[in-house]
Amino acid sequence: MRDSSAIHPRDPRLDGKHMVVACSREHLSQLIEDYKRRPFNDAELWAGKIARAMFWHSGEVSEEQLAEETGLTPEQIERGVTWQNNEIQRRRRQSGEPDGGPEERG
């Protein structure tokens, strides 16, 4: 199924594809419907590609390396990073954590 949150740990060709397993035809139908309702967000996919590259380089990678390893353009990298930052802020708001993270609680 198409899924912008699905990032394969090693094979970029499998990014954006979520394998589903169901115990019955009815269950499979429900899974398909669930994924159809979930929007595919390119920026979310790009954020995942960036995260994978950062992981394999222990968080230290040049912009050039990042573009080469992810296959993304500088604009796509910027949009992926922005999406990730917005997602972090959204999750913090949902949990009641200050926007700046634990260090702001002093």
Protein backbone atom coordinates (compact mmCIF):
# COMPACT_ATOMS: atom_id res chain seq x y z
CA MET A 1 0.00 0.00 0.00
CA ARG A 2 1.16 3.56 -0.64
CA ASP A 3 2.22 5.05 2.68
CA SER A 4 4.35 8.18 3.01
CA SER A 5 5.36 7.18 6.54
CA ALA A 6 6.90 3.89 5.36
CA ILE A 7 10.68 4.12 5.11
CA HIS A 8 12.68 0.97 4.55
CA PRO A 9 15.75 0.82 6.81
CA ARG A 10 18.15 0.06 3.94
CA ASP A 11 16.41 -0.04 0.54
CA PRO A 12 15.16 3.33 -0.75
CA ARG A 13 13.26 1.59 -3.56
CA LEU A 14 10.82 0.34 -0.93
CA ASP A 15 10.19 3.77 0.61
CA GLY A 16 6.56 4.84 0.51
CA LYS A 17 5.31 1.24 0.35
CA HIS A 18 3.79 -0.50 3.33
CA MET A 19 3.34 -4.25 3.16
CA VAL A 20 0.15 -5.33 4.85
CA VAL A 21 -0.84 -8.76 6.08
CA ALA A 22 -4.41 -9.62 6.94
CA CYS A 23 -6.03 -12.63 8.53
CA SER A 24 -9.07 -12.58 6.22
CA ARG A 25 -10.43 -10.94 3.08
CA GLU A 26 -12.61 -8.70 5.24
CA HIS A 27 -9.63 -7.63 7.30
CA LEU A 28 -7.64 -6.90 4.12
CA SER A 29 -10.55 -4.84 2.77
CA GLN A 30 -10.59 -2.81 5.97
CA LEU A 31 -6.83 -2.23 5.83
CA ILE A 32 -7.09 -1.09 2.21
CA GLU A 33 -9.86 1.35 3.12
CA ASP A 34 -7.84 2.68 6.06
CA TYR A 35 -4.83 3.37 3.82
CA LYS A 36 -7.00 4.95 1.13
CA ARG A 37 -8.21 7.48 3.71
CA ARG A 38 -4.68 8.35 4.83
CA PRO A 39 -3.22 11.06 2.62
CA PHE A 40 0.16 10.46 1.00
CA ASN A 41 2.37 13.38 2.02
CA ASP A 42 5.55 13.83 -0.03
CA ALA A 43 7.18 15.95 2.68
CA GLU A 44 6.62 13.16 5.22
CA LEU A 45 8.31 10.69 2.88
CA TRP A 46 11.22 13.08 2.36
CA ALA A 47 11.57 13.57 6.14
CA GLY A 48 11.88 9.81 6.52
CA LYS A 49 14.55 9.61 3.83
CA ILE A 50 16.49 12.37 5.58
CA ALA A 51 16.15 10.64 8.95
CA ARG A 52 17.48 7.38 7.51
CA ALA A 53 20.53 9.13 6.02
CA MET A 54 21.17 10.96 9.28
CA PHE A 55 20.92 7.69 11.22
CA TRP A 56 23.51 5.95 9.04
CA HIS A 57 25.88 8.91 9.47
CA SER A 58 25.31 9.32 13.21
CA GLY A 59 23.64 12.68 12.55
CA GLU A 60 26.64 14.19 10.77
CA VAL A 61 26.21 14.56 7.02
CA SER A 62 26.89 17.45 4.66
CA GLU A 63 24.12 18.96 2.58
CA GLU A 64 25.75 17.52 -0.52
CA GLN A 65 25.94 14.02 0.97
CA LEU A 66 22.36 14.30 2.14
CA ALA A 67 21.14 15.22 -1.33
CA GLU A 68 23.20 12.43 -2.90
CA GLU A 69 22.11 9.73 -0.47
CA THR A 70 18.44 10.65 -0.37
CA GLY A 71 18.06 11.53 -4.05
CA LEU A 72 16.25 14.69 -2.94
CA THR A 73 16.66 18.20 -4.24
CA PRO A 74 17.60 21.01 -1.83
CA GLU A 75 13.96 22.20 -1.94
CA GLN A 76 12.69 18.72 -1.07
CA ILE A 77 15.18 18.49 1.79
CA GLU A 78 13.98 21.84 3.11
CA ARG A 79 10.35 20.77 2.88
CA GLY A 80 11.12 17.44 4.58
CA VAL A 81 12.93 19.17 7.45
CA THR A 82 10.10 21.67 7.80
CA TRP A 83 7.54 18.85 7.87
CA GLN A 84 9.53 17.04 10.59
CA ASN A 85 9.88 20.19 12.70
CA ASN A 86 6.16 20.91 12.40
CA GLU A 87 5.35 17.32 13.35
CA ILE A 88 7.55 17.55 16.45
CA GLN A 89 5.80 20.77 17.48
CA ARG A 90 2.36 19.21 16.87
CA ARG A 91 3.20 16.19 19.03
CA ARG A 92 4.55 18.39 21.79
CA ARG A 93 1.36 20.46 21.80
CA GLN A 94 -0.74 17.29 21.94
CA SER A 95 1.25 16.00 24.92
CA GLY A 96 1.23 19.35 26.69
CA GLU A 97 5.02 19.64 26.50
CA PRO A 98 6.42 23.16 25.93
CA ASP A 99 7.38 23.85 22.32
CA GLY A 100 11.06 24.11 23.18
CA GLY A 101 11.23 20.66 24.74
CA PRO A 102 12.31 19.48 28.19
CA GLU A 103 15.06 22.08 28.53
CA GLU A 104 12.44 24.87 28.71
CA ARG A 105 10.91 23.35 31.84
CA GLY A 106 14.12 24.23 33.66
